[in-house]
């Protein structure tokens, strides 16, 4: 495999997070600055070393209260830095570090930081519950013109039919897939920053409130407040960094029409992205020591397990049943920080990337996977899918 791939000219040099919780009494800007300064320090750099900035979603605007905080311009002003590259990323960005990697690989920046800040926990408290897209934007226009008339007010309503079709076509049982949230909760118990740390049992899972069949309460990520920042640096600077992590391969492919409700196959999500990613490395699924796979809804982690080749199509139920294979000492430790189902909705692969870096460095504390050298990371699902393989330096 050639060594001149774009991603080989970039490294993830630092990760940082603010305090994370259901409701945090700090502004989005404060949380953002906390995460950025922590990430820069983690990289072994100073704020003055940063010459690239990127945020998700771009422009500081979004379609839900609490969904975006920390405006690109106010953050630069607060940091007091001069930038040579900036980017306001949008949905479908593929991976948190994709844009910054391009920037440092092409010489537009030397050290770029990208962040994602949410205040969804506080927004939900103020609204008396987690607001649905359709309740905030009730006008039937754009994609909502097709979704609101049938009561699809929220992403859970859009994803649920795909989960139903998956269970039907492959004969997979909810009792089998339940071991993903159960096992991730066990991992969260070892993460002091996780929102939910108490044990989750199979009986509790099966008896929980149904949100949109077959997706129940514990299949949904947890609205939270918090910020995650990632520093991406040119690989030429690796010798000056505290503990860089290689970006071995990354990809984000849109195959088919770019809309959830228009996907051609309700049971195969992320396959094109995973195939493109594996084509950029000599590593194979059996080389992966730990997987941090997007779990906005539990079914998305199921799709990624199959798309990335950790098990065959329709076999995820057998793969995860009982939790042994995806436990910390298992064949493929999964979402070792608790994922978004228990750790908190940090969104778009930011929390997953931060955990992958810590695992590869051996800095994950009580949840550290012994000998972790190769990590798989995935963000979102469907037409927004992005995936990467990270390795230690």
Protein backbone atom coordinates (compact mmCIF):
# COMPACT_ATOMS: atom_id res chain seq x y z
CA UNK A 1 0.00 0.00 0.00
CA UNK A 2 1.40 3.41 -0.94
CA UNK A 3 2.61 5.71 1.80
CA UNK A 4 1.63 8.99 0.11
CA UNK A 5 -2.01 8.82 1.10
CA UNK A 6 -3.36 12.14 2.31
CA UNK A 7 -4.07 10.76 5.78
CA UNK A 8 -0.48 9.54 6.18
CA UNK A 9 0.64 13.18 6.14
CA UNK A 10 -1.45 13.97 9.20
CA UNK A 11 -1.62 12.72 12.79
CA UNK A 12 -4.06 13.16 15.63
CA UNK A 13 -1.87 14.91 18.17
CA UNK A 14 -4.27 15.77 20.97
CA UNK A 15 -7.76 15.16 22.36
CA UNK A 16 -9.51 17.08 25.10
CA UNK A 17 -12.92 17.25 26.70
CA UNK A 18 -14.75 19.60 28.97
CA UNK A 19 -16.75 18.38 31.92
CA UNK A 20 -19.59 16.17 30.62
CA UNK A 21 -23.00 15.71 32.22
CA UNK A 22 -26.74 15.84 31.79
CA UNK A 23 -26.81 19.55 32.62
CA UNK A 24 -23.66 21.62 33.07
CA UNK A 25 -23.87 25.18 34.38
CA UNK A 26 -21.41 26.58 31.86
CA UNK A 27 -22.03 28.22 28.51
CA UNK A 28 -21.31 26.46 25.25
CA UNK A 29 -18.40 28.84 24.63
CA UNK A 30 -16.89 28.06 28.03
CA UNK A 31 -17.18 24.32 27.43
CA UNK A 32 -15.60 24.75 24.00
CA UNK A 33 -12.63 26.67 25.34
CA UNK A 34 -12.16 24.09 28.11
CA UNK A 35 -12.02 21.27 25.56
CA UNK A 36 -9.71 23.11 23.17
CA UNK A 37 -7.19 24.09 25.83
CA UNK A 38 -7.21 20.53 27.17
CA UNK A 39 -6.62 19.09 23.67
CA UNK A 40 -3.79 21.50 22.90
CA UNK A 41 -2.11 20.70 26.22
CA UNK A 42 -2.62 16.99 25.55
CA UNK A 43 -0.75 17.37 22.25
CA UNK A 44 2.20 19.03 23.98
CA UNK A 45 1.51 22.30 22.18
CA UNK A 46 0.55 25.83 23.16
CA UNK A 47 -2.45 27.83 21.96
CA UNK A 48 -0.08 29.95 19.85
CA UNK A 49 0.86 26.84 17.88
CA UNK A 50 -2.71 26.48 16.57
CA UNK A 51 -3.22 27.97 13.10
CA UNK A 52 -6.29 26.05 11.95
CA UNK A 53 -9.83 25.99 13.36
CA UNK A 54 -12.87 23.90 12.43
CA UNK A 55 -16.21 23.40 14.12
CA UNK A 56 -19.21 21.15 13.69
CA UNK A 57 -21.82 22.09 12.69
CA UNK A 58 -20.63 25.15 10.82
CA UNK A 59 -21.80 28.66 11.54
CA UNK A 60 -22.93 27.91 15.07
CA UNK A 61 -26.44 27.15 13.84
CA UNK A 62 -28.43 23.96 13.86
CA UNK A 63 -31.95 22.60 13.78
CA UNK A 64 -32.30 21.74 17.48
CA UNK A 65 -31.84 23.76 20.69
CA UNK A 66 -28.53 22.92 22.34
CA UNK A 67 -27.24 21.27 19.20
CA UNK A 68 -24.36 23.66 18.47
CA UNK A 69 -22.33 25.98 20.69
CA UNK A 70 -19.07 27.88 20.36
CA UNK A 71 -19.11 30.05 17.26
CA UNK A 72 -16.04 29.84 15.01
CA UNK A 73 -15.34 33.57 15.22
CA UNK A 74 -15.87 34.01 18.96
CA UNK A 75 -13.66 31.01 19.66
CA UNK A 76 -10.82 32.42 17.55
CA UNK A 77 -11.24 35.77 19.26
CA UNK A 78 -11.22 34.20 22.72
CA UNK A 79 -8.08 32.20 21.90
CA UNK A 80 -6.36 35.27 20.47
CA UNK A 81 -4.77 33.42 17.57
CA UNK A 82 -4.10 34.04 13.89
CA UNK A 83 -5.40 31.33 11.58
CA UNK A 84 -4.26 30.26 8.12
CA UNK A 85 -7.21 27.85 7.69
CA UNK A 86 -10.78 27.73 9.00
CA UNK A 87 -13.75 25.53 8.24
CA UNK A 88 -17.38 25.41 9.32
CA UNK A 89 -18.23 21.75 8.85
CA UNK A 90 -21.74 20.50 8.18
CA UNK A 91 -23.65 17.24 8.46
CA UNK A 92 -22.15 14.64 6.18
CA UNK A 93 -18.62 15.77 6.97
CA UNK A 94 -17.55 12.11 7.10
CA UNK A 95 -15.22 12.26 10.14
CA UNK A 96 -14.34 14.91 12.74
CA UNK A 97 -10.73 15.03 11.60
CA UNK A 98 -11.25 14.67 7.84
CA UNK A 99 -11.15 18.40 7.01
CA UNK A 100 -8.28 19.22 9.39
CA UNK A 101 -6.29 16.26 8.02
CA UNK A 102 -6.68 17.67 4.52
CA UNK A 103 -5.60 21.09 5.74
CA UNK A 104 -2.38 19.96 7.41
CA UNK A 105 -1.59 17.45 4.65
CA UNK A 106 -1.71 20.21 2.03
CA UNK A 107 0.21 22.74 4.10
CA UNK A 108 -2.69 25.11 4.75
CA UNK A 109 -2.18 24.66 8.48
CA UNK A 110 0.35 22.99 10.75
CA UNK A 111 -1.83 22.32 13.79
CA UNK A 112 -5.62 22.47 13.39
CA UNK A 113 -8.22 21.93 16.10
CA UNK A 114 -11.79 20.78 15.47
CA UNK A 115 -14.48 20.77 18.13
CA UNK A 116 -18.03 19.71 18.79
CA UNK A 117 -20.00 21.24 21.65
CA UNK A 118 -23.49 20.26 22.74
CA UNK A 119 -25.92 21.60 25.34
CA UNK A 120 -28.71 19.18 24.49
CA UNK A 121 -29.13 18.06 28.08
CA UNK A 122 -29.85 21.60 29.25
CA UNK A 123 -32.07 22.23 26.23
CA UNK A 124 -34.12 19.14 27.02
CA UNK A 125 -34.56 20.28 30.61
CA UNK A 126 -35.83 23.69 29.52
CA UNK A 127 -38.20 22.14 26.97
CA UNK A 128 -39.56 19.56 29.40
CA UNK A 129 -38.08 16.74 27.33
CA UNK A 130 -35.86 16.10 24.35
CA UNK A 131 -37.32 18.14 21.47
CA UNK A 132 -37.96 16.41 18.15
CA UNK A 133 -36.98 18.00 14.85
CA UNK A 134 -40.56 18.20 13.72
CA UNK A 135 -41.73 19.90 16.90
CA UNK A 136 -39.12 22.63 16.51
CA UNK A 137 -39.55 23.08 12.76
CA UNK A 138 -43.17 22.10 12.14
CA UNK A 139 -43.39 23.53 8.62
CA UNK A 140 -43.79 20.81 5.99
CA UNK A 141 -40.98 21.82 3.67
CA UNK A 142 -37.84 20.16 2.38
CA UNK A 143 -37.43 16.58 3.69
CA UNK A 144 -39.98 17.30 6.42
CA UNK A 145 -42.65 17.67 3.74
CA UNK A 146 -42.49 13.89 3.36
CA UNK A 147 -41.88 13.00 6.99
CA UNK A 148 -44.23 15.16 9.06
CA UNK A 149 -47.46 13.94 7.41
CA UNK A 150 -46.70 10.39 8.58
CA UNK A 151 -45.64 11.47 12.06
CA UNK A 152 -41.88 11.07 11.59
CA UNK A 153 -40.94 13.97 13.86
CA UNK A 154 -37.53 12.74 14.91
CA UNK A 155 -34.53 10.73 13.62
CA UNK A 156 -35.68 7.79 15.73
CA UNK A 157 -38.79 7.59 13.56
CA UNK A 158 -36.62 7.60 10.44
CA UNK A 159 -34.21 4.91 11.64
CA UNK A 160 -36.82 2.59 13.20
CA UNK A 161 -38.09 1.18 9.87
CA UNK A 162 -34.52 0.21 8.96
CA UNK A 163 -34.09 -1.55 12.28
CA UNK A 164 -37.41 -3.37 11.76
CA UNK A 165 -36.40 -4.53 8.31
CA UNK A 166 -33.04 -5.72 9.61
CA UNK A 167 -34.63 -7.82 12.35
CA UNK A 168 -37.18 -9.23 9.90
CA UNK A 169 -34.80 -10.13 7.08
CA UNK A 170 -32.18 -11.82 9.24
CA UNK A 171 -34.31 -13.19 12.05
CA UNK A 172 -32.27 -11.30 14.64
CA UNK A 173 -33.86 -10.89 18.09
CA UNK A 174 -33.89 -7.78 20.26
CA UNK A 175 -32.68 -9.96 23.13
CA UNK A 176 -29.47 -10.60 21.18
CA UNK A 177 -28.74 -6.99 20.26
CA UNK A 178 -29.57 -5.87 23.80
CA UNK A 179 -26.06 -6.91 24.76
CA UNK A 180 -24.63 -3.87 23.00
CA UNK A 181 -26.19 -1.33 25.42
CA UNK A 182 -25.75 -3.74 28.34
CA UNK A 183 -22.02 -4.19 27.66
CA UNK A 184 -21.45 -0.54 26.92
CA UNK A 185 -23.06 0.33 30.25
CA UNK A 186 -20.54 -1.97 31.93
CA UNK A 187 -17.77 -0.07 30.15
CA UNK A 188 -19.29 3.26 31.21
CA UNK A 189 -19.07 2.15 34.84
CA UNK A 190 -15.28 2.43 34.42
CA UNK A 191 -15.48 5.90 32.84
CA UNK A 192 -15.77 8.68 35.44
CA UNK A 193 -17.05 11.08 32.75
CA UNK A 194 -19.92 8.84 31.58
CA UNK A 195 -23.48 10.08 32.11
CA UNK A 196 -24.89 6.67 33.11
CA UNK A 197 -22.69 4.31 35.13
CA UNK A 198 -25.10 2.03 36.97
CA UNK A 199 -25.45 -1.57 35.65
CA UNK A 200 -28.07 -2.38 33.01
CA UNK A 201 -29.68 -5.83 32.94
CA UNK A 202 -31.37 -7.72 30.12
CA UNK A 203 -34.68 -7.60 32.00
CA UNK A 204 -34.41 -3.82 32.40
CA UNK A 205 -33.63 -3.46 28.72
CA UNK A 206 -36.54 -5.62 27.56
CA UNK A 207 -38.92 -3.89 29.96
CA UNK A 208 -37.95 -0.35 28.99
CA UNK A 209 -40.22 2.12 27.24
CA UNK A 210 -40.53 1.70 23.49
CA UNK A 211 -39.70 4.92 21.63
CA UNK A 212 -40.32 3.86 18.03
CA UNK A 213 -40.50 0.11 17.48
CA UNK A 214 -38.12 -1.71 17.67
CA UNK A 215 -36.03 1.08 19.20
CA UNK A 216 -36.46 1.32 22.98
CA UNK A 217 -35.18 3.84 25.51
CA UNK A 218 -31.82 2.14 25.99
CA UNK A 219 -31.23 2.01 22.22
CA UNK A 220 -31.08 5.82 22.11
CA UNK A 221 -28.13 8.03 22.93
CA UNK A 222 -28.24 10.26 26.01
CA UNK A 223 -28.69 14.05 25.57
CA UNK A 224 -25.84 15.72 27.42
CA UNK A 225 -23.81 18.88 27.82
CA UNK A 226 -20.14 18.79 26.92
CA UNK A 227 -17.45 19.53 24.38
CA UNK A 228 -14.78 17.46 22.65
CA UNK A 229 -11.81 18.90 20.77
CA UNK A 230 -9.31 17.11 18.53
CA UNK A 231 -5.96 18.52 17.39
CA UNK A 232 -4.69 17.33 14.01
CA UNK A 233 -1.07 18.06 13.11
CA UNK A 234 1.21 17.57 10.17
CA UNK A 235 3.13 14.32 10.46
CA UNK A 236 6.31 16.34 9.97
CA UNK A 237 5.80 17.67 13.50
CA UNK A 238 5.44 14.23 15.06
CA UNK A 239 8.80 14.45 16.83
CA UNK A 240 7.65 17.58 18.68
CA UNK A 241 4.34 16.09 19.86
CA UNK A 242 3.62 14.33 23.15
CA UNK A 243 2.02 11.16 21.78
CA UNK A 244 0.74 11.32 18.19
CA UNK A 245 -1.61 8.73 16.68
CA UNK A 246 -1.44 7.74 13.02
CA UNK A 247 -4.42 8.02 10.70
CA UNK A 248 -3.86 4.77 8.83
CA UNK A 249 -6.90 5.04 6.55
CA UNK A 250 -10.10 7.04 6.31
CA UNK A 251 -13.05 7.30 3.94
CA UNK A 252 -16.53 8.72 3.60
CA UNK A 253 -18.57 7.53 0.63
CA UNK A 254 -22.10 8.54 -0.34
CA UNK A 255 -23.54 5.71 -2.40
CA UNK A 256 -27.09 6.10 -3.62
CA UNK A 257 -29.39 9.00 -2.93
CA UNK A 258 -28.39 11.23 0.02
CA UNK A 259 -31.46 10.81 2.21
CA UNK A 260 -32.26 8.28 4.92
CA UNK A 261 -35.70 7.54 3.60
CA UNK A 262 -34.36 6.94 0.08
CA UNK A 263 -31.69 4.34 0.83
CA UNK A 264 -32.05 1.34 -1.45
CA UNK A 265 -31.19 -1.35 1.11
CA UNK A 266 -32.69 -1.14 4.59
CA UNK A 267 -30.22 -3.69 5.98
CA UNK A 268 -26.84 -2.58 4.58
CA UNK A 269 -25.56 0.77 5.82
CA UNK A 270 -21.96 2.00 5.61
CA UNK A 271 -20.65 -0.77 3.35
CA UNK A 272 -19.31 1.52 0.62
CA UNK A 273 -17.46 3.65 3.16
CA UNK A 274 -15.95 0.62 4.88
CA UNK A 275 -14.88 -0.89 1.56
CA UNK A 276 -13.20 2.35 0.54
CA UNK A 277 -11.46 2.59 3.91
CA UNK A 278 -10.06 -0.95 3.75
CA UNK A 279 -8.80 -0.29 0.22
CA UNK A 280 -6.47 2.36 1.66
CA UNK A 281 -4.61 0.05 4.05
CA UNK A 282 -3.03 -3.38 4.20
CA UNK A 283 -4.65 -3.96 7.60
CA UNK A 284 -7.73 -6.16 7.83
CA UNK A 285 -10.65 -6.46 10.28
CA UNK A 286 -8.82 -9.17 12.23
CA UNK A 287 -6.03 -6.67 12.98
CA UNK A 288 -8.37 -4.32 14.88
CA UNK A 289 -7.93 -4.41 18.67
CA UNK A 290 -10.71 -2.02 19.68
CA UNK A 291 -13.73 -0.53 17.89
CA UNK A 292 -15.39 2.81 18.59
CA UNK A 293 -18.47 2.65 16.39
CA UNK A 294 -21.16 5.29 16.20
CA UNK A 295 -24.21 4.50 18.29
CA UNK A 296 -26.62 7.42 18.05
CA UNK A 297 -29.04 4.51 17.98
CA UNK A 298 -27.89 1.03 18.88
CA UNK A 299 -28.77 -0.30 15.41
CA UNK A 300 -26.10 1.96 13.91
CA UNK A 301 -23.38 0.11 15.82
CA UNK A 302 -24.89 -3.13 14.49
CA UNK A 303 -24.62 -1.88 10.92
CA UNK A 304 -21.02 -0.81 11.43
CA UNK A 305 -20.01 -4.17 12.88
CA UNK A 306 -21.20 -5.82 9.68
CA UNK A 307 -20.14 -3.12 7.21
CA UNK A 308 -16.57 -3.12 8.55
CA UNK A 309 -16.37 -6.88 8.28
CA UNK A 310 -16.15 -7.80 11.95
CA UNK A 311 -18.99 -10.22 11.25
CA UNK A 312 -21.06 -11.09 8.20
CA UNK A 313 -24.35 -9.48 7.18
CA UNK A 314 -27.12 -10.54 9.55
CA UNK A 315 -24.69 -12.11 12.04
CA UNK A 316 -24.29 -9.20 14.47
CA UNK A 317 -26.89 -10.69 16.80
CA UNK A 318 -24.87 -13.86 17.22
CA UNK A 319 -21.66 -11.85 17.44
CA UNK A 320 -22.74 -9.64 20.35
CA UNK A 321 -25.07 -12.03 22.21
CA UNK A 322 -23.93 -12.55 25.77
CA UNK A 323 -21.48 -9.62 25.49
CA UNK A 324 -18.29 -11.71 25.67
CA UNK A 325 -16.92 -10.81 22.24
CA UNK A 326 -17.42 -7.05 22.73
CA UNK A 327 -16.24 -6.86 26.35
CA UNK A 328 -12.94 -5.25 27.32
CA UNK A 329 -11.20 -8.63 27.25
CA UNK A 330 -13.14 -9.90 24.25
CA UNK A 331 -12.42 -10.42 20.59
CA UNK A 332 -13.48 -6.87 19.69
CA UNK A 333 -13.96 -4.49 22.63
CA UNK A 334 -16.75 -2.13 21.55
CA UNK A 335 -17.27 1.50 22.58
CA UNK A 336 -15.09 1.15 25.63
CA UNK A 337 -16.05 4.56 27.06
CA UNK A 338 -19.73 3.58 27.17
CA UNK A 339 -20.53 5.01 23.76
CA UNK A 340 -23.27 7.56 23.29
CA UNK A 341 -25.81 5.14 24.80
CA UNK A 342 -24.25 5.55 28.26
CA UNK A 343 -21.32 7.96 27.93
CA UNK A 344 -23.43 10.75 26.44
CA UNK A 345 -24.34 12.13 23.03
CA UNK A 346 -21.13 13.93 22.07
CA UNK A 347 -22.10 13.32 18.45
CA UNK A 348 -20.48 12.82 15.06
CA UNK A 349 -17.74 10.49 16.23
CA UNK A 350 -16.02 13.02 18.51
CA UNK A 351 -16.34 10.98 21.70
CA UNK A 352 -15.48 7.82 19.78
CA UNK A 353 -12.31 9.38 18.34
CA UNK A 354 -11.19 10.69 21.72
CA UNK A 355 -11.56 7.22 23.23
CA UNK A 356 -9.74 5.54 20.34
CA UNK A 357 -6.76 7.86 20.84
CA UNK A 358 -6.66 7.17 24.57
CA UNK A 359 -6.85 3.41 24.01
CA UNK A 360 -3.99 3.47 21.50
CA UNK A 361 -1.87 5.50 23.91
CA UNK A 362 -2.65 3.20 26.83
CA UNK A 363 -4.29 6.10 28.69
CA UNK A 364 -7.84 4.78 29.17
CA UNK A 365 -7.42 3.90 32.84
CA UNK A 366 -9.57 1.08 34.24
CA UNK A 367 -11.17 0.45 30.85
CA UNK A 368 -7.87 0.10 28.98
CA UNK A 369 -7.76 -2.74 26.46
CA UNK A 370 -4.50 -4.58 26.89
CA UNK A 371 -2.16 -4.29 23.92
CA UNK A 372 -4.42 -2.01 21.84
CA UNK A 373 -2.48 -1.01 18.73
CA UNK A 374 -5.17 -0.67 16.03
CA UNK A 375 -8.53 1.07 16.47
CA UNK A 376 -11.55 1.39 14.20
CA UNK A 377 -13.63 4.56 14.38
CA UNK A 378 -16.95 5.33 12.70
CA UNK A 379 -19.23 8.36 12.80
CA UNK A 380 -22.95 8.56 12.10
CA UNK A 381 -24.49 6.18 9.58
CA UNK A 382 -26.40 5.99 6.34
CA UNK A 383 -25.47 8.51 3.69
CA UNK A 384 -23.36 10.49 6.20
CA UNK A 385 -21.10 7.55 7.02
CA UNK A 386 -17.42 8.03 7.72
CA UNK A 387 -14.88 5.51 9.00
CA UNK A 388 -11.18 5.34 9.82
CA UNK A 389 -8.46 3.09 11.12
CA UNK A 390 -6.09 4.63 13.66
CA UNK A 391 -2.85 3.14 14.90
CA UNK A 392 -0.27 3.92 17.53
CA UNK A 393 2.86 5.77 16.51
